[in-house]
Amino acid sequence: MSELYEDYTRAVRSFDAGDPLSAAKLLTPVVAAEPENASVRLLLARAYYNSAQLRRAEEQLRWLVDRDPADHYAHFVLGRTLERLGRPGQAVGHLRMAVAMRPLEDYSDALRRVEARTARR
């Protein structure tokens, strides 16, 4: 088993155990070695999001959305990240895309919340 794969599997275990900070530390060199691997980048983005490293999460998620504009989950997490960063005007477009592609309850709830927030401004 390669060292990168071992780091990835340890990162998955750390993330699943509720330790996104350790997961992010393990995934950083994996993404550096495999920059086109969308699965690894998504897990890194989620680890950043869950450890409140929101600007880093945004960077990874924008890469994912640029690479695959039809990735509804990347749009959803990017929208949530932008919402947490206090940028609901930017979040709403990504959340609308996510809902349009996959009308899941979590996506719709987030969109309604952000739309209500932007309407109050």
PDB file of N, CA and C in Angstrom:
ATOM      1  N   MET A   1       0.844  -1.173   0.000  1.00  0.00           N
ATOM      2  CA  MET A   1       0.000   0.000   0.000  1.00  0.00           C
ATOM      3  C   MET A   1       0.892   1.239   0.000  1.00  0.00           C
ATOM      4  N   SER A   2       0.574   2.200  -0.855  1.00  0.00           N
ATOM      5  CA  SER A   2       1.395   3.397  -0.953  1.00  0.00           C
ATOM      6  C   SER A   2       1.172   4.306   0.252  1.00  0.00           C
ATOM      7  N   GLU A   3       2.142   5.143   0.506  1.00  0.00           N
ATOM      8  CA  GLU A   3       2.057   6.074   1.637  1.00  0.00           C
ATOM      9  C   GLU A   3       0.896   7.051   1.458  1.00  0.00           C
ATOM     10  N   LEU A   4       0.674   7.523   0.222  1.00  0.00           N
ATOM     11  CA  LEU A   4      -0.435   8.445  -0.026  1.00  0.00           C
ATOM     12  C   LEU A   4      -1.784   7.792   0.261  1.00  0.00           C
ATOM     13  N   TYR A   5      -1.918   6.547  -0.160  1.00  0.00           N
ATOM     14  CA  TYR A   5      -3.170   5.844   0.103  1.00  0.00           C
ATOM     15  C   TYR A   5      -3.362   5.632   1.599  1.00  0.00           C
ATOM     16  N   GLU A   6      -2.291   5.316   2.300  1.00  0.00           N
ATOM     17  CA  GLU A   6      -2.380   5.149   3.755  1.00  0.00           C
ATOM     18  C   GLU A   6      -2.795   6.463   4.418  1.00  0.00           C
ATOM     19  N   ASP A   7      -2.214   7.572   3.972  1.00  0.00           N
ATOM     20  CA  ASP A   7      -2.591   8.873   4.512  1.00  0.00           C
ATOM     21  C   ASP A   7      -4.066   9.156   4.235  1.00  0.00           C
ATOM     22  N   TYR A   8      -4.507   8.837   3.025  1.00  0.00           N
ATOM     23  CA  TYR A   8      -5.907   9.060   2.672  1.00  0.00           C
ATOM     24  C   TYR A   8      -6.825   8.230   3.572  1.00  0.00           C
ATOM     25  N   THR A   9      -6.545   6.957   3.750  1.00  0.00           N
ATOM     26  CA  THR A   9      -7.418   6.109   4.570  1.00  0.00           C
ATOM     27  C   THR A   9      -7.382   6.545   6.039  1.00  0.00           C
ATOM     28  N   ARG A  10      -6.242   6.994   6.522  1.00  0.00           N
ATOM     29  CA  ARG A  10      -6.176   7.536   7.889  1.00  0.00           C
ATOM     30  C   ARG A  10      -6.997   8.819   7.984  1.00  0.00           C
ATOM     31  N   ALA A  11      -6.949   9.637   6.939  1.00  0.00           N
ATOM     32  CA  ALA A  11      -7.736  10.882   6.920  1.00  0.00           C
ATOM     33  C   ALA A  11      -9.225  10.573   6.950  1.00  0.00           C
ATOM     34  N   VAL A  12      -9.658   9.586   6.175  1.00  0.00           N
ATOM     35  CA  VAL A  12     -11.072   9.192   6.177  1.00  0.00           C
ATOM     36  C   VAL A  12     -11.481   8.748   7.577  1.00  0.00           C
ATOM     37  N   ARG A  13     -10.655   7.935   8.206  1.00  0.00           N
ATOM     38  CA  ARG A  13     -10.963   7.476   9.563  1.00  0.00           C
ATOM     39  C   ARG A  13     -11.024   8.652  10.536  1.00  0.00           C
ATOM     40  N   SER A  14     -10.084   9.577  10.421  1.00  0.00           N
ATOM     41  CA  SER A  14     -10.083  10.753  11.301  1.00  0.00           C
ATOM     42  C   SER A  14     -11.342  11.588  11.093  1.00  0.00           C
ATOM     43  N   PHE A  15     -11.680  11.819   9.835  1.00  0.00           N
ATOM     44  CA  PHE A  15     -12.881  12.605   9.520  1.00  0.00           C
ATOM     45  C   PHE A  15     -14.121  11.917  10.084  1.00  0.00           C
ATOM     46  N   ASP A  16     -14.246  10.632   9.819  1.00  0.00           N
ATOM     47  CA  ASP A  16     -15.410   9.882  10.298  1.00  0.00           C
ATOM     48  C   ASP A  16     -15.479   9.840  11.824  1.00  0.00           C
ATOM     49  N   ALA A  17     -14.329   9.931  12.491  1.00  0.00           N
ATOM     50  CA  ALA A  17     -14.276   9.919  13.956  1.00  0.00           C
ATOM     51  C   ALA A  17     -14.514  11.304  14.551  1.00  0.00           C
ATOM     52  N   GLY A  18     -14.749  12.299  13.690  1.00  0.00           N
ATOM     53  CA  GLY A  18     -15.024  13.634  14.190  1.00  0.00           C
ATOM     54  C   GLY A  18     -13.800  14.494  14.410  1.00  0.00           C
ATOM     55  N   ASP A  19     -12.707  14.158  13.733  1.00  0.00           N
ATOM     56  CA  ASP A  19     -11.472  14.942  13.856  1.00  0.00           C
ATOM     57  C   ASP A  19     -11.088  15.517  12.491  1.00  0.00           C
ATOM     58  N   PRO A  20     -11.823  16.546  12.034  1.00  0.00           N
ATOM     59  CA  PRO A  20     -11.541  17.088  10.699  1.00  0.00           C
ATOM     60  C   PRO A  20     -10.196  17.791  10.600  1.00  0.00           C
ATOM     61  N   LEU A  21      -9.686  18.306  11.706  1.00  0.00           N
ATOM     62  CA  LEU A  21      -8.392  18.983  11.669  1.00  0.00           C
ATOM     63  C   LEU A  21      -7.274  17.991  11.322  1.00  0.00           C
ATOM     64  N   SER A  22      -7.285  16.825  11.957  1.00  0.00           N
ATOM     65  CA  SER A  22      -6.295  15.797  11.622  1.00  0.00           C
ATOM     66  C   SER A  22      -6.478  15.316  10.188  1.00  0.00           C
ATOM     67  N   ALA A  23      -7.732  15.179   9.775  1.00  0.00           N
ATOM     68  CA  ALA A  23      -7.996  14.750   8.401  1.00  0.00           C
ATOM     69  C   ALA A  23      -7.407  15.742   7.414  1.00  0.00           C
ATOM     70  N   ALA A  24      -7.599  17.027   7.660  1.00  0.00           N
ATOM     71  CA  ALA A  24      -7.071  18.054   6.754  1.00  0.00           C
ATOM     72  C   ALA A  24      -5.547  17.994   6.689  1.00  0.00           C
ATOM     73  N   LYS A  25      -4.916  17.807   7.824  1.00  0.00           N
ATOM     74  CA  LYS A  25      -3.449  17.723   7.844  1.00  0.00           C
ATOM     75  C   LYS A  25      -2.950  16.524   7.046  1.00  0.00           C
ATOM     76  N   LEU A  26      -3.654  15.411   7.146  1.00  0.00           N
ATOM     77  CA  LEU A  26      -3.265  14.218   6.394  1.00  0.00           C
ATOM     78  C   LEU A  26      -3.538  14.369   4.900  1.00  0.00           C
ATOM     79  N   LEU A  27      -4.598  15.086   4.551  1.00  0.00           N
ATOM     80  CA  LEU A  27      -4.992  15.196   3.143  1.00  0.00           C
ATOM     81  C   LEU A  27      -4.189  16.229   2.359  1.00  0.00           C
ATOM     82  N   THR A  28      -3.629  17.219   3.020  1.00  0.00           N
ATOM     83  CA  THR A  28      -2.909  18.281   2.314  1.00  0.00           C
ATOM     84  C   THR A  28      -1.813  17.727   1.407  1.00  0.00           C
ATOM     85  N   PRO A  29      -0.936  16.837   1.891  1.00  0.00           N
ATOM     86  CA  PRO A  29       0.082  16.298   0.982  1.00  0.00           C
ATOM     87  C   PRO A  29      -0.491  15.371  -0.093  1.00  0.00           C
ATOM     88  N   VAL A  30      -1.626  14.742   0.190  1.00  0.00           N
ATOM     89  CA  VAL A  30      -2.254  13.871  -0.812  1.00  0.00           C
ATOM     90  C   VAL A  30      -2.755  14.725  -1.972  1.00  0.00           C
ATOM     91  N   VAL A  31      -3.393  15.860  -1.672  1.00  0.00           N
ATOM     92  CA  VAL A  31      -3.869  16.757  -2.726  1.00  0.00           C
ATOM     93  C   VAL A  31      -2.685  17.335  -3.492  1.00  0.00           C
ATOM     94  N   ALA A  32      -1.609  17.650  -2.795  1.00  0.00           N
ATOM     95  CA  ALA A  32      -0.414  18.174  -3.473  1.00  0.00           C
ATOM     96  C   ALA A  32       0.148  17.152  -4.458  1.00  0.00           C
ATOM     97  N   ALA A  33       0.093  15.884  -4.096  1.00  0.00           N
ATOM     98  CA  ALA A  33       0.623  14.831  -4.968  1.00  0.00           C
ATOM     99  C   ALA A  33      -0.373  14.423  -6.055  1.00  0.00           C
ATOM    100  N   GLU A  34      -1.661  14.583  -5.777  1.00  0.00           N
ATOM    101  CA  GLU A  34      -2.728  14.183  -6.707  1.00  0.00           C
ATOM    102  C   GLU A  34      -3.689  15.359  -6.904  1.00  0.00           C
ATOM    103  N   PRO A  35      -3.243  16.467  -7.500  1.00  0.00           N
ATOM    104  CA  PRO A  35      -4.069  17.677  -7.556  1.00  0.00           C
ATOM    105  C   PRO A  35      -5.353  17.545  -8.373  1.00  0.00           C
ATOM    106  N   GLU A  36      -5.453  16.578  -9.243  1.00  0.00           N
ATOM    107  CA  GLU A  36      -6.658  16.408 -10.065  1.00  0.00           C
ATOM    108  C   GLU A  36      -7.660  15.442  -9.444  1.00  0.00           C
ATOM    109  N   ASN A  37      -7.366  14.911  -8.273  1.00  0.00           N
ATOM    110  CA  ASN A  37      -8.245  13.932  -7.647  1.00  0.00           C
ATOM    111  C   ASN A  37      -9.377  14.656  -6.918  1.00  0.00           C
ATOM    112  N   ALA A  38     -10.536  14.675  -7.532  1.00  0.00           N
ATOM    113  CA  ALA A  38     -11.682  15.411  -6.994  1.00  0.00           C
ATOM    114  C   ALA A  38     -12.181  14.816  -5.682  1.00  0.00           C
ATOM    115  N   SER A  39     -12.128  13.526  -5.521  1.00  0.00           N
ATOM    116  CA  SER A  39     -12.604  12.895  -4.291  1.00  0.00           C
ATOM    117  C   SER A  39     -11.775  13.326  -3.092  1.00  0.00           C
ATOM    118  N   VAL A  40     -10.473  13.383  -3.286  1.00  0.00           N
ATOM    119  CA  VAL A  40      -9.592  13.801  -2.200  1.00  0.00           C
ATOM    120  C   VAL A  40      -9.825  15.276  -1.888  1.00  0.00           C
ATOM    121  N   ARG A  41      -9.978  16.098  -2.925  1.00  0.00           N
ATOM    122  CA  ARG A  41     -10.240  17.528  -2.709  1.00  0.00           C
ATOM    123  C   ARG A  41     -11.563  17.752  -1.990  1.00  0.00           C
ATOM    124  N   LEU A  42     -12.579  16.971  -2.323  1.00  0.00           N
ATOM    125  CA  LEU A  42     -13.866  17.133  -1.659  1.00  0.00           C
ATOM    126  C   LEU A  42     -13.750  16.790  -0.177  1.00  0.00           C
ATOM    127  N   LEU A  43     -13.056  15.716   0.134  1.00  0.00           N
ATOM    128  CA  LEU A  43     -12.884  15.364   1.540  1.00  0.00           C
ATOM    129  C   LEU A  43     -12.066  16.441   2.257  1.00  0.00           C
ATOM    130  N   LEU A  44     -11.055  16.990   1.597  1.00  0.00           N
ATOM    131  CA  LEU A  44     -10.273  18.073   2.187  1.00  0.00           C
ATOM    132  C   LEU A  44     -11.162  19.295   2.419  1.00  0.00           C
ATOM    133  N   ALA A  45     -11.991  19.633   1.455  1.00  0.00           N
ATOM    134  CA  ALA A  45     -12.901  20.772   1.607  1.00  0.00           C
ATOM    135  C   ALA A  45     -13.843  20.548   2.786  1.00  0.00           C
ATOM    136  N   ARG A  46     -14.379  19.357   2.914  1.00  0.00           N
ATOM    137  CA  ARG A  46     -15.273  19.050   4.032  1.00  0.00           C
ATOM    138  C   ARG A  46     -14.534  19.108   5.358  1.00  0.00           C
ATOM    139  N   ALA A  47     -13.288  18.642   5.376  1.00  0.00           N
ATOM    140  CA  ALA A  47     -12.484  18.714   6.602  1.00  0.00           C
ATOM    141  C   ALA A  47     -12.226  20.170   6.976  1.00  0.00           C
ATOM    142  N   TYR A  48     -11.898  20.985   5.989  1.00  0.00           N
ATOM    143  CA  TYR A  48     -11.710  22.413   6.253  1.00  0.00           C
ATOM    144  C   TYR A  48     -13.012  23.038   6.763  1.00  0.00           C
ATOM    145  N   TYR A  49     -14.115  22.738   6.115  1.00  0.00           N
ATOM    146  CA  TYR A  49     -15.412  23.289   6.517  1.00  0.00           C
ATOM    147  C   TYR A  49     -15.725  22.908   7.962  1.00  0.00           C
ATOM    148  N   ASN A  50     -15.567  21.631   8.275  1.00  0.00           N
ATOM    149  CA  ASN A  50     -15.910  21.147   9.614  1.00  0.00           C
ATOM    150  C   ASN A  50     -14.938  21.617  10.686  1.00  0.00           C
ATOM    151  N   SER A  51     -13.764  22.079  10.295  1.00  0.00           N
ATOM    152  CA  SER A  51     -12.815  22.615  11.274  1.00  0.00           C
ATOM    153  C   SER A  51     -12.762  24.143  11.210  1.00  0.00           C
ATOM    154  N   ALA A  52     -13.774  24.743  10.583  1.00  0.00           N
ATOM    155  CA  ALA A  52     -13.933  26.199  10.495  1.00  0.00           C
ATOM    156  C   ALA A  52     -12.781  26.891   9.773  1.00  0.00           C
ATOM    157  N   GLN A  53     -12.141  26.198   8.854  1.00  0.00           N
ATOM    158  CA  GLN A  53     -11.135  26.804   7.975  1.00  0.00           C
ATOM    159  C   GLN A  53     -11.847  27.140   6.670  1.00  0.00           C
ATOM    160  N   LEU A  54     -12.743  28.108   6.763  1.00  0.00           N
ATOM    161  CA  LEU A  54     -13.708  28.343   5.699  1.00  0.00           C
ATOM    162  C   LEU A  54     -13.089  28.889   4.418  1.00  0.00           C
ATOM    163  N   ARG A  55     -12.092  29.724   4.510  1.00  0.00           N
ATOM    164  CA  ARG A  55     -11.468  30.237   3.284  1.00  0.00           C
ATOM    165  C   ARG A  55     -10.736  29.112   2.540  1.00  0.00           C
ATOM    166  N   ARG A  56     -10.133  28.221   3.277  1.00  0.00           N
ATOM    167  CA  ARG A  56      -9.498  27.057   2.642  1.00  0.00           C
ATOM    168  C   ARG A  56     -10.544  26.141   2.020  1.00  0.00           C
ATOM    169  N   ALA A  57     -11.649  25.960   2.720  1.00  0.00           N
ATOM    170  CA  ALA A  57     -12.741  25.155   2.159  1.00  0.00           C
ATOM    171  C   ALA A  57     -13.242  25.785   0.871  1.00  0.00           C
ATOM    172  N   GLU A  58     -13.434  27.103   0.902  1.00  0.00           N
ATOM    173  CA  GLU A  58     -13.907  27.810  -0.292  1.00  0.00           C
ATOM    174  C   GLU A  58     -12.963  27.587  -1.477  1.00  0.00           C
ATOM    175  N   GLU A  59     -11.682  27.662  -1.233  1.00  0.00           N
ATOM    176  CA  GLU A  59     -10.699  27.470  -2.317  1.00  0.00           C
ATOM    177  C   GLU A  59     -10.846  26.095  -2.963  1.00  0.00           C
ATOM    178  N   GLN A  60     -10.963  25.056  -2.148  1.00  0.00           N
ATOM    179  CA  GLN A  60     -11.100  23.697  -2.681  1.00  0.00           C
ATOM    180  C   GLN A  60     -12.436  23.531  -3.408  1.00  0.00           C
ATOM    181  N   LEU A  61     -13.489  24.079  -2.837  1.00  0.00           N
ATOM    182  CA  LEU A  61     -14.818  23.937  -3.437  1.00  0.00           C
ATOM    183  C   LEU A  61     -14.933  24.696  -4.750  1.00  0.00           C
ATOM    184  N   ARG A  62     -14.320  25.869  -4.830  1.00  0.00           N
ATOM    185  CA  ARG A  62     -14.341  26.605  -6.105  1.00  0.00           C
ATOM    186  C   ARG A  62     -13.609  25.806  -7.180  1.00  0.00           C
ATOM    187  N   TRP A  63     -12.506  25.158  -6.814  1.00  0.00           N
ATOM    188  CA  TRP A  63     -11.790  24.307  -7.770  1.00  0.00           C
ATOM    189  C   TRP A  63     -12.728  23.196  -8.256  1.00  0.00           C
ATOM    190  N   LEU A  64     -13.449  22.577  -7.327  1.00  0.00           N
ATOM    191  CA  LEU A  64     -14.351  21.480  -7.694  1.00  0.00           C
ATOM    192  C   LEU A  64     -15.486  21.953  -8.594  1.00  0.00           C
ATOM    193  N   VAL A  65     -16.089  23.091  -8.280  1.00  0.00           N
ATOM    194  CA  VAL A  65     -17.197  23.627  -9.086  1.00  0.00           C
ATOM    195  C   VAL A  65     -16.699  24.056 -10.463  1.00  0.00           C
ATOM    196  N   ASP A  66     -15.513  24.642 -10.525  1.00  0.00           N
ATOM    197  CA  ASP A  66     -14.948  25.019 -11.826  1.00  0.00           C
ATOM    198  C   ASP A  66     -14.674  23.785 -12.674  1.00  0.00           C
ATOM    199  N   ARG A  67     -14.202  22.732 -12.045  1.00  0.00           N
ATOM    200  CA  ARG A  67     -13.865  21.495 -12.763  1.00  0.00           C
ATOM    201  C   ARG A  67     -15.126  20.771 -13.231  1.00  0.00           C
ATOM    202  N   ASP A  68     -16.163  20.768 -12.370  1.00  0.00           N
ATOM    203  CA  ASP A  68     -17.395  20.055 -12.697  1.00  0.00           C
ATOM    204  C   ASP A  68     -18.592  20.886 -12.237  1.00  0.00           C
ATOM    205  N   PRO A  69     -19.085  21.782 -13.098  1.00  0.00           N
ATOM    206  CA  PRO A  69     -20.206  22.645 -12.721  1.00  0.00           C
ATOM    207  C   PRO A  69     -21.490  21.882 -12.386  1.00  0.00           C
ATOM    208  N   ALA A  70     -21.569  20.616 -12.729  1.00  0.00           N
ATOM    209  CA  ALA A  70     -22.754  19.814 -12.437  1.00  0.00           C
ATOM    210  C   ALA A  70     -22.659  19.079 -11.100  1.00  0.00           C
ATOM    211  N   ASP A  71     -21.642  19.361 -10.313  1.00  0.00           N
ATOM    212  CA  ASP A  71     -21.474  18.718  -9.008  1.00  0.00           C
ATOM    213  C   ASP A  71     -22.362  19.431  -7.993  1.00  0.00           C
ATOM    214  N   HIS A  72     -23.563  18.907  -7.809  1.00  0.00           N
ATOM    215  CA  HIS A  72     -24.538  19.555  -6.921  1.00  0.00           C
ATOM    216  C   HIS A  72     -24.040  19.641  -5.491  1.00  0.00           C
ATOM    217  N   TYR A  73     -23.351  18.615  -5.025  1.00  0.00           N
ATOM    218  CA  TYR A  73     -22.881  18.624  -3.635  1.00  0.00           C
ATOM    219  C   TYR A  73     -21.809  19.689  -3.423  1.00  0.00           C
ATOM    220  N   ALA A  74     -20.899  19.857  -4.380  1.00  0.00           N
ATOM    221  CA  ALA A  74     -19.879  20.903  -4.265  1.00  0.00           C
ATOM    222  C   ALA A  74     -20.533  22.277  -4.240  1.00  0.00           C
ATOM    223  N   HIS A  75     -21.562  22.483  -5.043  1.00  0.00           N
ATOM    224  CA  HIS A  75     -22.296  23.753  -5.014  1.00  0.00           C
ATOM    225  C   HIS A  75     -22.950  23.961  -3.643  1.00  0.00           C
ATOM    226  N   PHE A  76     -23.543  22.905  -3.112  1.00  0.00           N
ATOM    227  CA  PHE A  76     -24.199  23.003  -1.813  1.00  0.00           C
ATOM    228  C   PHE A  76     -23.196  23.380  -0.721  1.00  0.00           C
ATOM    229  N   VAL A  77     -22.098  22.663  -0.644  1.00  0.00           N
ATOM    230  CA  VAL A  77     -21.125  22.937   0.413  1.00  0.00           C
ATOM    231  C   VAL A  77     -20.477  24.307   0.198  1.00  0.00           C
ATOM    232  N   LEU A  78     -20.245  24.695  -1.051  1.00  0.00           N
ATOM    233  CA  LEU A  78     -19.710  26.038  -1.307  1.00  0.00           C
ATOM    234  C   LEU A  78     -20.722  27.093  -0.845  1.00  0.00           C
ATOM    235  N   GLY A  79     -21.994  26.882  -1.141  1.00  0.00           N
ATOM    236  CA  GLY A  79     -23.019  27.816  -0.673  1.00  0.00           C
ATOM    237  C   GLY A  79     -23.045  27.916   0.846  1.00  0.00           C
ATOM    238  N   ARG A  80     -22.967  26.783   1.526  1.00  0.00           N
ATOM    239  CA  ARG A  80     -22.947  26.781   2.997  1.00  0.00           C
ATOM    240  C   ARG A  80     -21.690  27.470   3.525  1.00  0.00           C
ATOM    241  N   THR A  81     -20.565  27.247   2.853  1.00  0.00           N
ATOM    242  CA  THR A  81     -19.311  27.880   3.262  1.00  0.00           C
ATOM    243  C   THR A  81     -19.422  29.394   3.136  1.00  0.00           C
ATOM    244  N   LEU A  82     -19.935  29.851   2.017  1.00  0.00           N
ATOM    245  CA  LEU A  82     -20.096  31.290   1.807  1.00  0.00           C
ATOM    246  C   LEU A  82     -21.091  31.871   2.804  1.00  0.00           C
ATOM    247  N   GLU A  83     -22.124  31.116   3.121  1.00  0.00           N
ATOM    248  CA  GLU A  83     -23.074  31.564   4.145  1.00  0.00           C
ATOM    249  C   GLU A  83     -22.353  31.746   5.481  1.00  0.00           C
ATOM    250  N   ARG A  84     -21.563  30.777   5.874  1.00  0.00           N
ATOM    251  CA  ARG A  84     -20.835  30.872   7.148  1.00  0.00           C
ATOM    252  C   ARG A  84     -19.803  31.986   7.129  1.00  0.00           C
ATOM    253  N   LEU A  85     -19.294  32.324   5.961  1.00  0.00           N
ATOM    254  CA  LEU A  85     -18.345  33.428   5.835  1.00  0.00           C
ATOM    255  C   LEU A  85     -19.050  34.789   5.849  1.00  0.00           C
ATOM    256  N   GLY A  86     -20.372  34.779   5.933  1.00  0.00           N
ATOM    257  CA  GLY A  86     -21.130  36.021   5.958  1.00  0.00           C
ATOM    258  C   GLY A  86     -21.325  36.651   4.595  1.00  0.00           C
ATOM    259  N   ARG A  87     -21.340  35.806   3.556  1.00  0.00           N
ATOM    260  CA  ARG A  87     -21.515  36.277   2.185  1.00  0.00           C
ATOM    261  C   ARG A  87     -22.743  35.620   1.555  1.00  0.00           C
ATOM    262  N   PRO A  88     -23.916  35.881   2.129  1.00  0.00           N
ATOM    263  CA  PRO A  88     -25.120  35.204   1.637  1.00  0.00           C
ATOM    264  C   PRO A  88     -25.457  35.551   0.197  1.00  0.00           C
ATOM    265  N   GLY A  89     -25.119  36.746  -0.255  1.00  0.00           N
ATOM    266  CA  GLY A  89     -25.383  37.117  -1.642  1.00  0.00           C
ATOM    267  C   GLY A  89     -24.654  36.218  -2.629  1.00  0.00           C
ATOM    268  N   GLN A  90     -23.462  35.777  -2.254  1.00  0.00           N
ATOM    269  CA  GLN A  90     -22.711  34.847  -3.098  1.00  0.00           C
ATOM    270  C   GLN A  90     -23.180  33.410  -2.893  1.00  0.00           C
ATOM    271  N   ALA A  91     -23.630  33.105  -1.687  1.00  0.00           N
ATOM    272  CA  ALA A  91     -24.062  31.744  -1.359  1.00  0.00           C
ATOM    273  C   ALA A  91     -25.319  31.346  -2.113  1.00  0.00           C
ATOM    274  N   VAL A  92     -26.238  32.298  -2.276  1.00  0.00           N
ATOM    275  CA  VAL A  92     -27.553  31.970  -2.818  1.00  0.00           C
ATOM    276  C   VAL A  92     -27.470  31.359  -4.219  1.00  0.00           C
ATOM    277  N   GLY A  93     -26.591  31.829  -5.048  1.00  0.00           N
ATOM    278  CA  GLY A  93     -26.471  31.279  -6.399  1.00  0.00           C
ATOM    279  C   GLY A  93     -26.037  29.824  -6.394  1.00  0.00           C
ATOM    280  N   HIS A  94     -25.092  29.478  -5.541  1.00  0.00           N
ATOM    281  CA  HIS A  94     -24.632  28.085  -5.467  1.00  0.00           C
ATOM    282  C   HIS A  94     -25.698  27.184  -4.869  1.00  0.00           C
ATOM    283  N   LEU A  95     -26.417  27.704  -3.889  1.00  0.00           N
ATOM    284  CA  LEU A  95     -27.495  26.910  -3.305  1.00  0.00           C
ATOM    285  C   LEU A  95     -28.635  26.706  -4.303  1.00  0.00           C
ATOM    286  N   ARG A  96     -28.938  27.719  -5.087  1.00  0.00           N
ATOM    287  CA  ARG A  96     -29.970  27.558  -6.130  1.00  0.00           C
ATOM    288  C   ARG A  96     -29.556  26.493  -7.143  1.00  0.00           C
ATOM    289  N   MET A  97     -28.285  26.518  -7.512  1.00  0.00           N
ATOM    290  CA  MET A  97     -27.784  25.500  -8.457  1.00  0.00           C
ATOM    291  C   MET A  97     -27.938  24.104  -7.854  1.00  0.00           C
ATOM    292  N   ALA A  98     -27.560  23.956  -6.597  1.00  0.00           N
ATOM    293  CA  ALA A  98     -27.651  22.647  -5.941  1.00  0.00           C
ATOM    294  C   ALA A  98     -29.098  22.157  -5.923  1.00  0.00           C
ATOM    295  N   VAL A  99     -30.025  23.040  -5.558  1.00  0.00           N
ATOM    296  CA  VAL A  99     -31.451  22.670  -5.503  1.00  0.00           C
ATOM    297  C   VAL A  99     -31.972  22.336  -6.892  1.00  0.00           C
ATOM    298  N   ALA A 100     -31.559  23.105  -7.891  1.00  0.00           N
ATOM    299  CA  ALA A 100     -32.026  22.844  -9.258  1.00  0.00           C
ATOM    300  C   ALA A 100     -31.552  21.476  -9.755  1.00  0.00           C
ATOM    301  N   MET A 101     -30.355  21.106  -9.379  1.00  0.00           N
ATOM    302  CA  MET A 101     -29.811  19.820  -9.837  1.00  0.00           C
ATOM    303  C   MET A 101     -30.314  18.649  -9.015  1.00  0.00           C
ATOM    304  N   ARG A 102     -30.524  18.890  -7.714  1.00  0.00           N
ATOM    305  CA  ARG A 102     -30.955  17.803  -6.829  1.00  0.00           C
ATOM    306  C   ARG A 102     -31.780  18.407  -5.700  1.00  0.00           C
ATOM    307  N   PRO A 103     -33.091  18.403  -5.810  1.00  0.00           N
ATOM    308  CA  PRO A 103     -33.938  19.077  -4.821  1.00  0.00           C
ATOM    309  C   PRO A 103     -34.052  18.314  -3.496  1.00  0.00           C
ATOM    310  N   LEU A 104     -32.945  18.221  -2.801  1.00  0.00           N
ATOM    311  CA  LEU A 104     -32.932  17.558  -1.499  1.00  0.00           C
ATOM    312  C   LEU A 104     -33.392  18.520  -0.410  1.00  0.00           C
ATOM    313  N   GLU A 105     -33.936  17.991   0.656  1.00  0.00           N
ATOM    314  CA  GLU A 105     -34.462  18.813   1.735  1.00  0.00           C
ATOM    315  C   GLU A 105     -33.380  19.697   2.364  1.00  0.00           C
ATOM    316  N   ASP A 106     -32.196  19.140   2.607  1.00  0.00           N
ATOM    317  CA  ASP A 106     -31.108  19.942   3.188  1.00  0.00           C
ATOM    318  C   ASP A 106     -30.749  21.114   2.286  1.00  0.00           C
ATOM    319  N   TYR A 107     -30.707  20.878   0.997  1.00  0.00           N
ATOM    320  CA  TYR A 107     -30.377  21.931   0.043  1.00  0.00           C
ATOM    321  C   TYR A 107     -31.460  23.021   0.061  1.00  0.00           C
ATOM    322  N   SER A 108     -32.721  22.586   0.017  1.00  0.00           N
ATOM    323  CA  SER A 108     -33.832  23.534   0.006  1.00  0.00           C
ATOM    324  C   SER A 108     -33.895  24.339   1.299  1.00  0.00           C
ATOM    325  N   ASP A 109     -33.660  23.695   2.432  1.00  0.00           N
ATOM    326  CA  ASP A 109     -33.665  24.393   3.713  1.00  0.00           C
ATOM    327  C   ASP A 109     -32.585  25.474   3.746  1.00  0.00           C
ATOM    328  N   ALA A 110     -31.394  25.126   3.285  1.00  0.00           N
ATOM    329  CA  ALA A 110     -30.295  26.103   3.262  1.00  0.00           C
ATOM    330  C   ALA A 110     -30.630  27.261   2.332  1.00  0.00           C
ATOM    331  N   LEU A 111     -31.201  26.951   1.182  1.00  0.00           N
ATOM    332  CA  LEU A 111     -31.565  28.011   0.232  1.00  0.00           C
ATOM    333  C   LEU A 111     -32.607  28.952   0.841  1.00  0.00           C
ATOM    334  N   ARG A 112     -33.641  28.402   1.462  1.00  0.00           N
ATOM    335  CA  ARG A 112     -34.670  29.245   2.084  1.00  0.00           C
ATOM    336  C   ARG A 112     -34.055  30.147   3.161  1.00  0.00           C
ATOM    337  N   ARG A 113     -33.168  29.589   3.965  1.00  0.00           N
ATOM    338  CA  ARG A 113     -32.531  30.361   5.034  1.00  0.00           C
ATOM    339  C   ARG A 113     -31.711  31.517   4.471  1.00  0.00           C
ATOM    340  N   VAL A 114     -30.927  31.244   3.435  1.00  0.00           N
ATOM    341  CA  VAL A 114     -30.066  32.268   2.843  1.00  0.00           C
ATOM    342  C   VAL A 114     -30.905  33.303   2.094  1.00  0.00           C
ATOM    343  N   GLU A 115     -31.928  32.852   1.384  1.00  0.00           N
ATOM    344  CA  GLU A 115     -32.804  33.815   0.695  1.00  0.00           C
ATOM    345  C   GLU A 115     -33.491  34.737   1.690  1.00  0.00           C
ATOM    346  N   ALA A 116     -33.929  34.196   2.819  1.00  0.00           N
ATOM    347  CA  ALA A 116     -34.563  35.032   3.845  1.00  0.00           C
ATOM    348  C   ALA A 116     -33.558  36.036   4.408  1.00  0.00           C
ATOM    349  N   ARG A 117     -32.350  35.596   4.568  1.00  0.00           N
ATOM    350  CA  ARG A 117     -31.299  36.486   5.092  1.00  0.00           C
ATOM    351  C   ARG A 117     -30.985  37.612   4.106  1.00  0.00           C
ATOM    352  N   THR A 118     -30.927  37.275   2.835  1.00  0.00           N
ATOM    353  CA  THR A 118     -30.627  38.318   1.834  1.00  0.00           C
ATOM    354  C   THR A 118     -31.814  39.252   1.645  1.00  0.00           C
ATOM    355  N   ALA A 119     -33.032  38.786   1.857  1.00  0.00           N
ATOM    356  CA  ALA A 119     -34.216  39.634   1.712  1.00  0.00           C
ATOM    357  C   ALA A 119     -34.272  40.696   2.804  1.00  0.00           C
ATOM    358  N   ARG A 120     -33.710  40.385   3.962  1.00  0.00           N
ATOM    359  CA  ARG A 120     -33.721  41.332   5.089  1.00  0.00           C
ATOM    360  C   ARG A 120     -32.711  42.435   4.919  1.00  0.00           C
ATOM    361  N   ARG A 121     -31.785  42.278   4.010  1.00  0.00           N
ATOM    362  CA  ARG A 121     -30.711  43.287   3.842  1.00  0.00           C
ATOM    363  C   ARG A 121     -31.176  44.467   3.066  1.00  0.00           C
TER     364      ARG A 121
END
